[in-house]
Amino acid sequence: MEFNQHKPIYLQICDRINELILSDALKAEERIQSVRELGIELGVNPNTVVRSYEYLQNKGIIFNKRGIGYFISKDAKELILKEQKKEFIENEIPMLFKKMKLYNMDIDDIVNIYRKE
């Protein structure tokens, strides 16, 4: 995994786990890699992975079974979609409309471009 220097690594790890959940590579109730395993795989400090797991646990996306490991929560996919849709609506759509106005584009232009792909 290559990290973006403009975003904290622990959040990029969270994004990766979220993508794996959304793509069904990780499923509800499935155990995820241990802190140590993921730290070694990604070449990051285990404390960074702990921070990622704590963040995801606070969001309800994963849960910890003491002594066994971390698991994907039953409603993880729905929680991720809800949060990402909110982020899209609050941040990306306004930027899209700002650029559309700047480039003198309207919704029909976007729809036509989308339909051609």
PDB file of N, CA and C in Angstrom:
ATOM      1  N   MET A   1       0.857  -1.181   0.000  1.00  0.00           N
ATOM      2  CA  MET A   1       0.000   0.000   0.000  1.00  0.00           C
ATOM      3  C   MET A   1       0.893   1.231   0.000  1.00  0.00           C
ATOM      4  N   GLU A   2       0.603   2.133  -0.935  1.00  0.00           N
ATOM      5  CA  GLU A   2       1.337   3.390  -0.976  1.00  0.00           C
ATOM      6  C   GLU A   2       0.519   4.448  -0.253  1.00  0.00           C
ATOM      7  N   PHE A   3       1.186   5.202   0.596  1.00  0.00           N
ATOM      8  CA  PHE A   3       0.492   6.184   1.415  1.00  0.00           C
ATOM      9  C   PHE A   3       0.589   7.576   0.814  1.00  0.00           C
ATOM     10  N   ASN A   4      -0.488   8.323   0.985  1.00  0.00           N
ATOM     11  CA  ASN A   4      -0.573   9.711   0.555  1.00  0.00           C
ATOM     12  C   ASN A   4      -0.049  10.576   1.697  1.00  0.00           C
ATOM     13  N   GLN A   5       0.905  11.436   1.414  1.00  0.00           N
ATOM     14  CA  GLN A   5       1.507  12.255   2.466  1.00  0.00           C
ATOM     15  C   GLN A   5       0.574  13.337   3.001  1.00  0.00           C
ATOM     16  N   HIS A   6      -0.556  13.564   2.344  1.00  0.00           N
ATOM     17  CA  HIS A   6      -1.464  14.636   2.748  1.00  0.00           C
ATOM     18  C   HIS A   6      -2.587  14.160   3.668  1.00  0.00           C
ATOM     19  N   LYS A   7      -2.588  12.878   4.008  1.00  0.00           N
ATOM     20  CA  LYS A   7      -3.625  12.328   4.867  1.00  0.00           C
ATOM     21  C   LYS A   7      -2.966  11.402   5.885  1.00  0.00           C
ATOM     22  N   PRO A   8      -3.388  11.471   7.149  1.00  0.00           N
ATOM     23  CA  PRO A   8      -2.768  10.603   8.154  1.00  0.00           C
ATOM     24  C   PRO A   8      -2.833   9.118   7.749  1.00  0.00           C
ATOM     25  N   ILE A   9      -1.754   8.406   8.032  1.00  0.00           N
ATOM     26  CA  ILE A   9      -1.663   6.998   7.654  1.00  0.00           C
ATOM     27  C   ILE A   9      -2.769   6.176   8.291  1.00  0.00           C
ATOM     28  N   TYR A  10      -3.096   6.460   9.551  1.00  0.00           N
ATOM     29  CA  TYR A  10      -4.118   5.651  10.207  1.00  0.00           C
ATOM     30  C   TYR A  10      -5.464   5.782   9.501  1.00  0.00           C
ATOM     31  N   LEU A  11      -5.765   6.964   8.960  1.00  0.00           N
ATOM     32  CA  LEU A  11      -7.017   7.141   8.222  1.00  0.00           C
ATOM     33  C   LEU A  11      -6.961   6.438   6.867  1.00  0.00           C
ATOM     34  N   GLN A  12      -5.799   6.394   6.254  1.00  0.00           N
ATOM     35  CA  GLN A  12      -5.653   5.669   4.990  1.00  0.00           C
ATOM     36  C   GLN A  12      -5.836   4.169   5.208  1.00  0.00           C
ATOM     37  N   ILE A  13      -5.379   3.678   6.339  1.00  0.00           N
ATOM     38  CA  ILE A  13      -5.597   2.269   6.676  1.00  0.00           C
ATOM     39  C   ILE A  13      -7.084   2.022   6.879  1.00  0.00           C
ATOM     40  N   CYS A  14      -7.759   2.944   7.551  1.00  0.00           N
ATOM     41  CA  CYS A  14      -9.217   2.838   7.733  1.00  0.00           C
ATOM     42  C   CYS A  14      -9.919   2.816   6.379  1.00  0.00           C
ATOM     43  N   ASP A  15      -9.503   3.692   5.477  1.00  0.00           N
ATOM     44  CA  ASP A  15     -10.094   3.736   4.136  1.00  0.00           C
ATOM     45  C   ASP A  15      -9.917   2.403   3.427  1.00  0.00           C
ATOM     46  N   ARG A  16      -8.742   1.808   3.558  1.00  0.00           N
ATOM     47  CA  ARG A  16      -8.463   0.514   2.921  1.00  0.00           C
ATOM     48  C   ARG A  16      -9.392  -0.564   3.471  1.00  0.00           C
ATOM     49  N   ILE A  17      -9.545  -0.598   4.779  1.00  0.00           N
ATOM     50  CA  ILE A  17     -10.429  -1.591   5.400  1.00  0.00           C
ATOM     51  C   ILE A  17     -11.869  -1.351   4.963  1.00  0.00           C
ATOM     52  N   ASN A  18     -12.284  -0.089   4.929  1.00  0.00           N
ATOM     53  CA  ASN A  18     -13.637   0.242   4.470  1.00  0.00           C
ATOM     54  C   ASN A  18     -13.873  -0.230   3.041  1.00  0.00           C
ATOM     55  N   GLU A  19     -12.891  -0.019   2.171  1.00  0.00           N
ATOM     56  CA  GLU A  19     -13.007  -0.470   0.780  1.00  0.00           C
ATOM     57  C   GLU A  19     -13.135  -1.988   0.695  1.00  0.00           C
ATOM     58  N   LEU A  20     -12.365  -2.689   1.519  1.00  0.00           N
ATOM     59  CA  LEU A  20     -12.439  -4.152   1.541  1.00  0.00           C
ATOM     60  C   LEU A  20     -13.818  -4.627   2.006  1.00  0.00           C
ATOM     61  N   ILE A  21     -14.397  -3.912   2.939  1.00  0.00           N
ATOM     62  CA  ILE A  21     -15.748  -4.252   3.413  1.00  0.00           C
ATOM     63  C   ILE A  21     -16.774  -3.966   2.325  1.00  0.00           C
ATOM     64  N   LEU A  22     -16.690  -2.793   1.709  1.00  0.00           N
ATOM     65  CA  LEU A  22     -17.659  -2.421   0.671  1.00  0.00           C
ATOM     66  C   LEU A  22     -17.575  -3.347  -0.539  1.00  0.00           C
ATOM     67  N   SER A  23     -16.387  -3.854  -0.827  1.00  0.00           N
ATOM     68  CA  SER A  23     -16.216  -4.743  -1.983  1.00  0.00           C
ATOM     69  C   SER A  23     -16.473  -6.208  -1.628  1.00  0.00           C
ATOM     70  N   ASP A  24     -16.880  -6.454  -0.400  1.00  0.00           N
ATOM     71  CA  ASP A  24     -17.155  -7.807   0.116  1.00  0.00           C
ATOM     72  C   ASP A  24     -15.913  -8.684   0.225  1.00  0.00           C
ATOM     73  N   ALA A  25     -14.730  -8.090   0.170  1.00  0.00           N
ATOM     74  CA  ALA A  25     -13.516  -8.859   0.432  1.00  0.00           C
ATOM     75  C   ALA A  25     -13.436  -9.209   1.916  1.00  0.00           C
ATOM     76  N   LEU A  26     -14.033  -8.361   2.753  1.00  0.00           N
ATOM     77  CA  LEU A  26     -14.207  -8.637   4.174  1.00  0.00           C
ATOM     78  C   LEU A  26     -15.705  -8.618   4.444  1.00  0.00           C
ATOM     79  N   LYS A  27     -16.184  -9.639   5.107  1.00  0.00           N
ATOM     80  CA  LYS A  27     -17.620  -9.784   5.344  1.00  0.00           C
ATOM     81  C   LYS A  27     -17.947  -9.664   6.828  1.00  0.00           C
ATOM     82  N   ALA A  28     -19.209  -9.386   7.121  1.00  0.00           N
ATOM     83  CA  ALA A  28     -19.683  -9.262   8.496  1.00  0.00           C
ATOM     84  C   ALA A  28     -19.299 -10.492   9.306  1.00  0.00           C
ATOM     85  N   GLU A  29     -18.893 -10.243  10.529  1.00  0.00           N
ATOM     86  CA  GLU A  29     -18.504 -11.283  11.493  1.00  0.00           C
ATOM     87  C   GLU A  29     -17.165 -11.939  11.176  1.00  0.00           C
ATOM     88  N   GLU A  30     -16.505 -11.514  10.104  1.00  0.00           N
ATOM     89  CA  GLU A  30     -15.211 -12.096   9.729  1.00  0.00           C
ATOM     90  C   GLU A  30     -14.090 -11.462  10.548  1.00  0.00           C
ATOM     91  N   ARG A  31     -13.132 -12.276  10.943  1.00  0.00           N
ATOM     92  CA  ARG A  31     -11.969 -11.781  11.678  1.00  0.00           C
ATOM     93  C   ARG A  31     -11.037 -11.059  10.710  1.00  0.00           C
ATOM     94  N   ILE A  32     -10.487  -9.943  11.165  1.00  0.00           N
ATOM     95  CA  ILE A  32      -9.512  -9.217  10.344  1.00  0.00           C
ATOM     96  C   ILE A  32      -8.107  -9.477  10.894  1.00  0.00           C
ATOM     97  N   GLN A  33      -7.119  -9.061  10.153  1.00  0.00           N
ATOM     98  CA  GLN A  33      -5.731  -9.277  10.549  1.00  0.00           C
ATOM     99  C   GLN A  33      -5.463  -8.664  11.922  1.00  0.00           C
ATOM    100  N   SER A  34      -4.542  -9.293  12.638  1.00  0.00           N
ATOM    101  CA  SER A  34      -4.138  -8.740  13.924  1.00  0.00           C
ATOM    102  C   SER A  34      -3.376  -7.436  13.681  1.00  0.00           C
ATOM    103  N   VAL A  35      -3.224  -6.681  14.740  1.00  0.00           N
ATOM    104  CA  VAL A  35      -2.478  -5.428  14.663  1.00  0.00           C
ATOM    105  C   VAL A  35      -1.064  -5.696  14.141  1.00  0.00           C
ATOM    106  N   ARG A  36      -0.431  -6.703  14.695  1.00  0.00           N
ATOM    107  CA  ARG A  36       0.941  -7.020  14.304  1.00  0.00           C
ATOM    108  C   ARG A  36       1.006  -7.459  12.838  1.00  0.00           C
ATOM    109  N   GLU A  37       0.088  -8.330  12.422  1.00  0.00           N
ATOM    110  CA  GLU A  37       0.085  -8.826  11.038  1.00  0.00           C
ATOM    111  C   GLU A  37      -0.075  -7.682  10.040  1.00  0.00           C
ATOM    112  N   LEU A  38      -1.041  -6.813  10.299  1.00  0.00           N
ATOM    113  CA  LEU A  38      -1.277  -5.706   9.371  1.00  0.00           C
ATOM    114  C   LEU A  38      -0.122  -4.714   9.388  1.00  0.00           C
ATOM    115  N   GLY A  39       0.436  -4.467  10.562  1.00  0.00           N
ATOM    116  CA  GLY A  39       1.587  -3.571  10.662  1.00  0.00           C
ATOM    117  C   GLY A  39       2.756  -4.069   9.830  1.00  0.00           C
ATOM    118  N   ILE A  40       3.020  -5.372   9.904  1.00  0.00           N
ATOM    119  CA  ILE A  40       4.115  -5.963   9.123  1.00  0.00           C
ATOM    120  C   ILE A  40       3.800  -5.885   7.630  1.00  0.00           C
ATOM    121  N   GLU A  41       2.571  -6.246   7.262  1.00  0.00           N
ATOM    122  CA  GLU A  41       2.189  -6.224   5.844  1.00  0.00           C
ATOM    123  C   GLU A  41       2.341  -4.837   5.232  1.00  0.00           C
ATOM    124  N   LEU A  42       1.914  -3.819   5.987  1.00  0.00           N
ATOM    125  CA  LEU A  42       1.939  -2.451   5.460  1.00  0.00           C
ATOM    126  C   LEU A  42       3.251  -1.722   5.733  1.00  0.00           C
ATOM    127  N   GLY A  43       4.088  -2.290   6.587  1.00  0.00           N
ATOM    128  CA  GLY A  43       5.348  -1.639   6.927  1.00  0.00           C
ATOM    129  C   GLY A  43       5.159  -0.408   7.791  1.00  0.00           C
ATOM    130  N   VAL A  44       4.175  -0.474   8.694  1.00  0.00           N
ATOM    131  CA  VAL A  44       3.912   0.656   9.593  1.00  0.00           C
ATOM    132  C   VAL A  44       4.036   0.195  11.046  1.00  0.00           C
ATOM    133  N   ASN A  45       4.189   1.149  11.922  1.00  0.00           N
ATOM    134  CA  ASN A  45       4.262   0.882  13.347  1.00  0.00           C
ATOM    135  C   ASN A  45       2.942   0.279  13.821  1.00  0.00           C
ATOM    136  N   PRO A  46       2.982  -0.766  14.642  1.00  0.00           N
ATOM    137  CA  PRO A  46       1.741  -1.349  15.155  1.00  0.00           C
ATOM    138  C   PRO A  46       0.841  -0.343  15.873  1.00  0.00           C
ATOM    139  N   ASN A  47       1.440   0.691  16.474  1.00  0.00           N
ATOM    140  CA  ASN A  47       0.627   1.723  17.138  1.00  0.00           C
ATOM    141  C   ASN A  47      -0.262   2.464  16.140  1.00  0.00           C
ATOM    142  N   THR A  48       0.207   2.592  14.914  1.00  0.00           N
ATOM    143  CA  THR A  48      -0.596   3.224  13.863  1.00  0.00           C
ATOM    144  C   THR A  48      -1.798   2.354  13.533  1.00  0.00           C
ATOM    145  N   VAL A  49      -1.591   1.055  13.463  1.00  0.00           N
ATOM    146  CA  VAL A  49      -2.687   0.117  13.202  1.00  0.00           C
ATOM    147  C   VAL A  49      -3.669   0.134  14.371  1.00  0.00           C
ATOM    148  N   VAL A  50      -3.151   0.178  15.607  1.00  0.00           N
ATOM    149  CA  VAL A  50      -4.020   0.256  16.785  1.00  0.00           C
ATOM    150  C   VAL A  50      -4.908   1.488  16.679  1.00  0.00           C
ATOM    151  N   ARG A  51      -4.335   2.600  16.287  1.00  0.00           N
ATOM    152  CA  ARG A  51      -5.107   3.840  16.141  1.00  0.00           C
ATOM    153  C   ARG A  51      -6.212   3.672  15.092  1.00  0.00           C
ATOM    154  N   SER A  52      -5.889   3.008  13.984  1.00  0.00           N
ATOM    155  CA  SER A  52      -6.876   2.744  12.935  1.00  0.00           C
ATOM    156  C   SER A  52      -8.002   1.868  13.472  1.00  0.00           C
ATOM    157  N   TYR A  53      -7.638   0.798  14.163  1.00  0.00           N
ATOM    158  CA  TYR A  53      -8.634  -0.125  14.697  1.00  0.00           C
ATOM    159  C   TYR A  53      -9.509   0.555  15.752  1.00  0.00           C
ATOM    160  N   GLU A  54      -8.912   1.388  16.581  1.00  0.00           N
ATOM    161  CA  GLU A  54      -9.703   2.118  17.580  1.00  0.00           C
ATOM    162  C   GLU A  54     -10.692   3.064  16.903  1.00  0.00           C
ATOM    163  N   TYR A  55     -10.231   3.725  15.858  1.00  0.00           N
ATOM    164  CA  TYR A  55     -11.102   4.638  15.112  1.00  0.00           C
ATOM    165  C   TYR A  55     -12.282   3.869  14.520  1.00  0.00           C
ATOM    166  N   LEU A  56     -12.001   2.744  13.866  1.00  0.00           N
ATOM    167  CA  LEU A  56     -13.061   1.935  13.257  1.00  0.00           C
ATOM    168  C   LEU A  56     -13.979   1.333  14.326  1.00  0.00           C
ATOM    169  N   GLN A  57     -13.424   0.981  15.453  1.00  0.00           N
ATOM    170  CA  GLN A  57     -14.236   0.442  16.547  1.00  0.00           C
ATOM    171  C   GLN A  57     -15.167   1.525  17.092  1.00  0.00           C
ATOM    172  N   ASN A  58     -14.673   2.734  17.243  1.00  0.00           N
ATOM    173  CA  ASN A  58     -15.509   3.846  17.717  1.00  0.00           C
ATOM    174  C   ASN A  58     -16.641   4.164  16.747  1.00  0.00           C
ATOM    175  N   LYS A  59     -16.426   3.885  15.465  1.00  0.00           N
ATOM    176  CA  LYS A  59     -17.458   4.100  14.440  1.00  0.00           C
ATOM    177  C   LYS A  59     -18.435   2.930  14.359  1.00  0.00           C
ATOM    178  N   GLY A  60     -18.139   1.833  15.071  1.00  0.00           N
ATOM    179  CA  GLY A  60     -19.005   0.658  15.046  1.00  0.00           C
ATOM    180  C   GLY A  60     -18.769  -0.263  13.863  1.00  0.00           C
ATOM    181  N   ILE A  61     -17.684  -0.045  13.146  1.00  0.00           N
ATOM    182  CA  ILE A  61     -17.402  -0.829  11.947  1.00  0.00           C
ATOM    183  C   ILE A  61     -16.741  -2.164  12.300  1.00  0.00           C
ATOM    184  N   ILE A  62     -15.909  -2.162  13.315  1.00  0.00           N
ATOM    185  CA  ILE A  62     -15.305  -3.399  13.797  1.00  0.00           C
ATOM    186  C   ILE A  62     -15.537  -3.501  15.297  1.00  0.00           C
ATOM    187  N   PHE A  63     -15.349  -4.699  15.826  1.00  0.00           N
ATOM    188  CA  PHE A  63     -15.428  -4.890  17.275  1.00  0.00           C
ATOM    189  C   PHE A  63     -14.343  -5.862  17.697  1.00  0.00           C
ATOM    190  N   ASN A  64     -13.991  -5.792  18.969  1.00  0.00           N
ATOM    191  CA  ASN A  64     -12.906  -6.595  19.500  1.00  0.00           C
ATOM    192  C   ASN A  64     -13.467  -7.696  20.393  1.00  0.00           C
ATOM    193  N   LYS A  65     -13.013  -8.922  20.139  1.00  0.00           N
ATOM    194  CA  LYS A  65     -13.280 -10.029  21.052  1.00  0.00           C
ATOM    195  C   LYS A  65     -11.965 -10.245  21.789  1.00  0.00           C
ATOM    196  N   ARG A  66     -11.949  -9.844  23.037  1.00  0.00           N
ATOM    197  CA  ARG A  66     -10.711  -9.866  23.812  1.00  0.00           C
ATOM    198  C   ARG A  66     -10.036 -11.240  23.728  1.00  0.00           C
ATOM    199  N   GLY A  67      -8.764 -11.209  23.375  1.00  0.00           N
ATOM    200  CA  GLY A  67      -7.981 -12.424  23.288  1.00  0.00           C
ATOM    201  C   GLY A  67      -8.126 -13.169  21.968  1.00  0.00           C
ATOM    202  N   ILE A  68      -9.093 -12.770  21.152  1.00  0.00           N
ATOM    203  CA  ILE A  68      -9.323 -13.464  19.872  1.00  0.00           C
ATOM    204  C   ILE A  68      -8.942 -12.577  18.694  1.00  0.00           C
ATOM    205  N   GLY A  69      -9.352 -11.309  18.749  1.00  0.00           N
ATOM    206  CA  GLY A  69      -9.016 -10.383  17.679  1.00  0.00           C
ATOM    207  C   GLY A  69     -10.165  -9.460  17.324  1.00  0.00           C
ATOM    208  N   TYR A  70      -9.999  -8.773  16.221  1.00  0.00           N
ATOM    209  CA  TYR A  70     -10.999  -7.818  15.727  1.00  0.00           C
ATOM    210  C   TYR A  70     -11.827  -8.462  14.628  1.00  0.00           C
ATOM    211  N   PHE A  71     -13.105  -8.088  14.607  1.00  0.00           N
ATOM    212  CA  PHE A  71     -14.057  -8.648  13.662  1.00  0.00           C
ATOM    213  C   PHE A  71     -14.884  -7.532  13.030  1.00  0.00           C
ATOM    214  N   ILE A  72     -15.410  -7.811  11.842  1.00  0.00           N
ATOM    215  CA  ILE A  72     -16.273  -6.864  11.134  1.00  0.00           C
ATOM    216  C   ILE A  72     -17.663  -6.932  11.761  1.00  0.00           C
ATOM    217  N   SER A  73     -18.233  -5.783  12.078  1.00  0.00           N
ATOM    218  CA  SER A  73     -19.568  -5.759  12.677  1.00  0.00           C
ATOM    219  C   SER A  73     -20.640  -6.107  11.638  1.00  0.00           C
ATOM    220  N   LYS A  74     -21.795  -6.523  12.123  1.00  0.00           N
ATOM    221  CA  LYS A  74     -22.887  -6.940  11.237  1.00  0.00           C
ATOM    222  C   LYS A  74     -23.334  -5.818  10.302  1.00  0.00           C
ATOM    223  N   ASP A  75     -23.371  -4.601  10.820  1.00  0.00           N
ATOM    224  CA  ASP A  75     -23.870  -3.488  10.015  1.00  0.00           C
ATOM    225  C   ASP A  75     -22.753  -2.568   9.508  1.00  0.00           C
ATOM    226  N   ALA A  76     -21.537  -3.103   9.412  1.00  0.00           N
ATOM    227  CA  ALA A  76     -20.388  -2.299   8.981  1.00  0.00           C
ATOM    228  C   ALA A  76     -20.606  -1.661   7.611  1.00  0.00           C
ATOM    229  N   LYS A  77     -21.085  -2.454   6.666  1.00  0.00           N
ATOM    230  CA  LYS A  77     -21.260  -1.956   5.300  1.00  0.00           C
ATOM    231  C   LYS A  77     -22.234  -0.774   5.274  1.00  0.00           C
ATOM    232  N   GLU A  78     -23.331  -0.898   5.982  1.00  0.00           N
ATOM    233  CA  GLU A  78     -24.331   0.173   6.013  1.00  0.00           C
ATOM    234  C   GLU A  78     -23.773   1.432   6.682  1.00  0.00           C
ATOM    235  N   LEU A  79     -23.004   1.239   7.760  1.00  0.00           N
ATOM    236  CA  LEU A  79     -22.406   2.386   8.452  1.00  0.00           C
ATOM    237  C   LEU A  79     -21.408   3.114   7.548  1.00  0.00           C
ATOM    238  N   ILE A  80     -20.608   2.354   6.822  1.00  0.00           N
ATOM    239  CA  ILE A  80     -19.624   2.957   5.916  1.00  0.00           C
ATOM    240  C   ILE A  80     -20.334   3.711   4.803  1.00  0.00           C
ATOM    241  N   LEU A  81     -21.331   3.091   4.193  1.00  0.00           N
ATOM    242  CA  LEU A  81     -22.073   3.754   3.113  1.00  0.00           C
ATOM    243  C   LEU A  81     -22.724   5.042   3.602  1.00  0.00           C
ATOM    244  N   LYS A  82     -23.317   4.996   4.773  1.00  0.00           N
ATOM    245  CA  LYS A  82     -23.974   6.187   5.325  1.00  0.00           C
ATOM    246  C   LYS A  82     -22.962   7.320   5.514  1.00  0.00           C
ATOM    247  N   GLU A  83     -21.804   6.991   6.092  1.00  0.00           N
ATOM    248  CA  GLU A  83     -20.785   8.006   6.328  1.00  0.00           C
ATOM    249  C   GLU A  83     -20.193   8.536   5.021  1.00  0.00           C
ATOM    250  N   GLN A  84     -19.925   7.644   4.076  1.00  0.00           N
ATOM    251  CA  GLN A  84     -19.323   8.081   2.822  1.00  0.00           C
ATOM    252  C   GLN A  84     -20.301   8.877   1.965  1.00  0.00           C
ATOM    253  N   LYS A  85     -21.580   8.526   2.000  1.00  0.00           N
ATOM    254  CA  LYS A  85     -22.583   9.315   1.279  1.00  0.00           C
ATOM    255  C   LYS A  85     -22.668  10.721   1.865  1.00  0.00           C
ATOM    256  N   LYS A  86     -22.638  10.800   3.205  1.00  0.00           N
ATOM    257  CA  LYS A  86     -22.681  12.109   3.867  1.00  0.00           C
ATOM    258  C   LYS A  86     -21.474  12.948   3.452  1.00  0.00           C
ATOM    259  N   GLU A  87     -20.293  12.337   3.455  1.00  0.00           N
ATOM    260  CA  GLU A  87     -19.065  13.011   3.036  1.00  0.00           C
ATOM    261  C   GLU A  87     -19.171  13.494   1.586  1.00  0.00           C
ATOM    262  N   PHE A  88     -19.689  12.647   0.728  1.00  0.00           N
ATOM    263  CA  PHE A  88     -19.863  12.984  -0.683  1.00  0.00           C
ATOM    264  C   PHE A  88     -20.806  14.174  -0.842  1.00  0.00           C
ATOM    265  N   ILE A  89     -21.929  14.127  -0.145  1.00  0.00           N
ATOM    266  CA  ILE A  89     -22.931  15.191  -0.255  1.00  0.00           C
ATOM    267  C   ILE A  89     -22.405  16.508   0.307  1.00  0.00           C
ATOM    268  N   GLU A  90     -21.700  16.446   1.426  1.00  0.00           N
ATOM    269  CA  GLU A  90     -21.246  17.672   2.083  1.00  0.00           C
ATOM    270  C   GLU A  90     -19.995  18.281   1.462  1.00  0.00           C
ATOM    271  N   ASN A  91     -19.135  17.453   0.868  1.00  0.00           N
ATOM    272  CA  ASN A  91     -17.849  17.976   0.389  1.00  0.00           C
ATOM    273  C   ASN A  91     -17.639  17.875  -1.114  1.00  0.00           C
ATOM    274  N   GLU A  92     -17.940  16.730  -1.684  1.00  0.00           N
ATOM    275  CA  GLU A  92     -17.617  16.529  -3.097  1.00  0.00           C
ATOM    276  C   GLU A  92     -18.651  17.147  -4.033  1.00  0.00           C
ATOM    277  N   ILE A  93     -19.920  17.028  -3.717  1.00  0.00           N
ATOM    278  CA  ILE A  93     -20.947  17.606  -4.592  1.00  0.00           C
ATOM    279  C   ILE A  93     -20.816  19.123  -4.679  1.00  0.00           C
ATOM    280  N   PRO A  94     -20.638  19.834  -3.553  1.00  0.00           N
ATOM    281  CA  PRO A  94     -20.451  21.284  -3.684  1.00  0.00           C
ATOM    282  C   PRO A  94     -19.253  21.649  -4.569  1.00  0.00           C
ATOM    283  N   MET A  95     -18.164  20.882  -4.463  1.00  0.00           N
ATOM    284  CA  MET A  95     -16.997  21.141  -5.299  1.00  0.00           C
ATOM    285  C   MET A  95     -17.317  20.855  -6.763  1.00  0.00           C
ATOM    286  N   LEU A  96     -18.068  19.795  -7.014  1.00  0.00           N
ATOM    287  CA  LEU A  96     -18.478  19.459  -8.373  1.00  0.00           C
ATOM    288  C   LEU A  96     -19.288  20.602  -8.986  1.00  0.00           C
ATOM    289  N   PHE A  97     -20.276  21.092  -8.239  1.00  0.00           N
ATOM    290  CA  PHE A  97     -21.109  22.174  -8.763  1.00  0.00           C
ATOM    291  C   PHE A  97     -20.320  23.469  -8.951  1.00  0.00           C
ATOM    292  N   LYS A  98     -19.373  23.710  -8.083  1.00  0.00           N
ATOM    293  CA  LYS A  98     -18.523  24.898  -8.233  1.00  0.00           C
ATOM    294  C   LYS A  98     -17.733  24.803  -9.541  1.00  0.00           C
ATOM    295  N   LYS A  99     -17.163  23.619  -9.801  1.00  0.00           N
ATOM    296  CA  LYS A  99     -16.392  23.437 -11.040  1.00  0.00           C
ATOM    297  C   LYS A  99     -17.296  23.450 -12.260  1.00  0.00           C
ATOM    298  N   MET A 100     -18.489  22.897 -12.148  1.00  0.00           N
ATOM    299  CA  MET A 100     -19.425  22.927 -13.274  1.00  0.00           C
ATOM    300  C   MET A 100     -19.753  24.368 -13.646  1.00  0.00           C
ATOM    301  N   LYS A 101     -19.979  25.190 -12.632  1.00  0.00           N
ATOM    302  CA  LYS A 101     -20.286  26.601 -12.886  1.00  0.00           C
ATOM    303  C   LYS A 101     -19.085  27.293 -13.528  1.00  0.00           C
ATOM    304  N   LEU A 102     -17.910  27.004 -13.012  1.00  0.00           N
ATOM    305  CA  LEU A 102     -16.685  27.597 -13.540  1.00  0.00           C
ATOM    306  C   LEU A 102     -16.455  27.205 -14.991  1.00  0.00           C
ATOM    307  N   TYR A 103     -16.756  25.943 -15.343  1.00  0.00           N
ATOM    308  CA  TYR A 103     -16.547  25.438 -16.688  1.00  0.00           C
ATOM    309  C   TYR A 103     -17.772  25.591 -17.584  1.00  0.00           C
ATOM    310  N   ASN A 104     -18.779  26.274 -17.065  1.00  0.00           N
ATOM    311  CA  ASN A 104     -20.009  26.527 -17.817  1.00  0.00           C
ATOM    312  C   ASN A 104     -20.673  25.216 -18.272  1.00  0.00           C
ATOM    313  N   MET A 105     -20.821  24.302 -17.321  1.00  0.00           N
ATOM    314  CA  MET A 105     -21.452  23.011 -17.590  1.00  0.00           C
ATOM    315  C   MET A 105     -22.749  22.920 -16.794  1.00  0.00           C
ATOM    316  N   ASP A 106     -23.657  22.071 -17.285  1.00  0.00           N
ATOM    317  CA  ASP A 106     -24.881  21.818 -16.526  1.00  0.00           C
ATOM    318  C   ASP A 106     -25.041  20.312 -16.312  1.00  0.00           C
ATOM    319  N   ILE A 107     -26.100  19.950 -15.623  1.00  0.00           N
ATOM    320  CA  ILE A 107     -26.338  18.544 -15.284  1.00  0.00           C
ATOM    321  C   ILE A 107     -26.427  17.683 -16.540  1.00  0.00           C
ATOM    322  N   ASP A 108     -27.051  18.194 -17.577  1.00  0.00           N
ATOM    323  CA  ASP A 108     -27.180  17.419 -18.821  1.00  0.00           C
ATOM    324  C   ASP A 108     -25.810  17.071 -19.401  1.00  0.00           C
ATOM    325  N   ASP A 109     -24.863  17.977 -19.303  1.00  0.00           N
ATOM    326  CA  ASP A 109     -23.507  17.694 -19.780  1.00  0.00           C
ATOM    327  C   ASP A 109     -22.904  16.515 -19.011  1.00  0.00           C
ATOM    328  N   ILE A 110     -23.076  16.536 -17.724  1.00  0.00           N
ATOM    329  CA  ILE A 110     -22.537  15.468 -16.878  1.00  0.00           C
ATOM    330  C   ILE A 110     -23.219  14.141 -17.200  1.00  0.00           C
ATOM    331  N   VAL A 111     -24.534  14.157 -17.328  1.00  0.00           N
ATOM    332  CA  VAL A 111     -25.284  12.933 -17.646  1.00  0.00           C
ATOM    333  C   VAL A 111     -24.830  12.375 -18.985  1.00  0.00           C
ATOM    334  N   ASN A 112     -24.667  13.234 -19.979  1.00  0.00           N
ATOM    335  CA  ASN A 112     -24.226  12.774 -21.300  1.00  0.00           C
ATOM    336  C   ASN A 112     -22.825  12.168 -21.251  1.00  0.00           C
ATOM    337  N   ILE A 113     -21.935  12.766 -20.490  1.00  0.00           N
ATOM    338  CA  ILE A 113     -20.580  12.234 -20.346  1.00  0.00           C
ATOM    339  C   ILE A 113     -20.644  10.881 -19.666  1.00  0.00           C
ATOM    340  N   TYR A 114     -21.435  10.776 -18.630  1.00  0.00           N
ATOM    341  CA  TYR A 114     -21.558   9.525 -17.872  1.00  0.00           C
ATOM    342  C   TYR A 114     -22.129   8.401 -18.735  1.00  0.00           C
ATOM    343  N   ARG A 115     -23.122   8.716 -19.528  1.00  0.00           N
ATOM    344  CA  ARG A 115     -23.775   7.709 -20.372  1.00  0.00           C
ATOM    345  C   ARG A 115     -22.869   7.190 -21.468  1.00  0.00           C
ATOM    346  N   LYS A 116     -21.913   8.010 -21.920  1.00  0.00           N
ATOM    347  CA  LYS A 116     -20.991   7.583 -22.984  1.00  0.00           C
ATOM    348  C   LYS A 116     -19.993   6.560 -22.481  1.00  0.00           C
ATOM    349  N   GLU A 117     -19.725   6.535 -21.185  1.00  0.00           N
ATOM    350  CA  GLU A 117     -18.706   5.608 -20.640  1.00  0.00           C
ATOM    351  C   GLU A 117     -19.242   4.240 -20.430  1.00  0.00           C
TER     352      GLU A 117
END
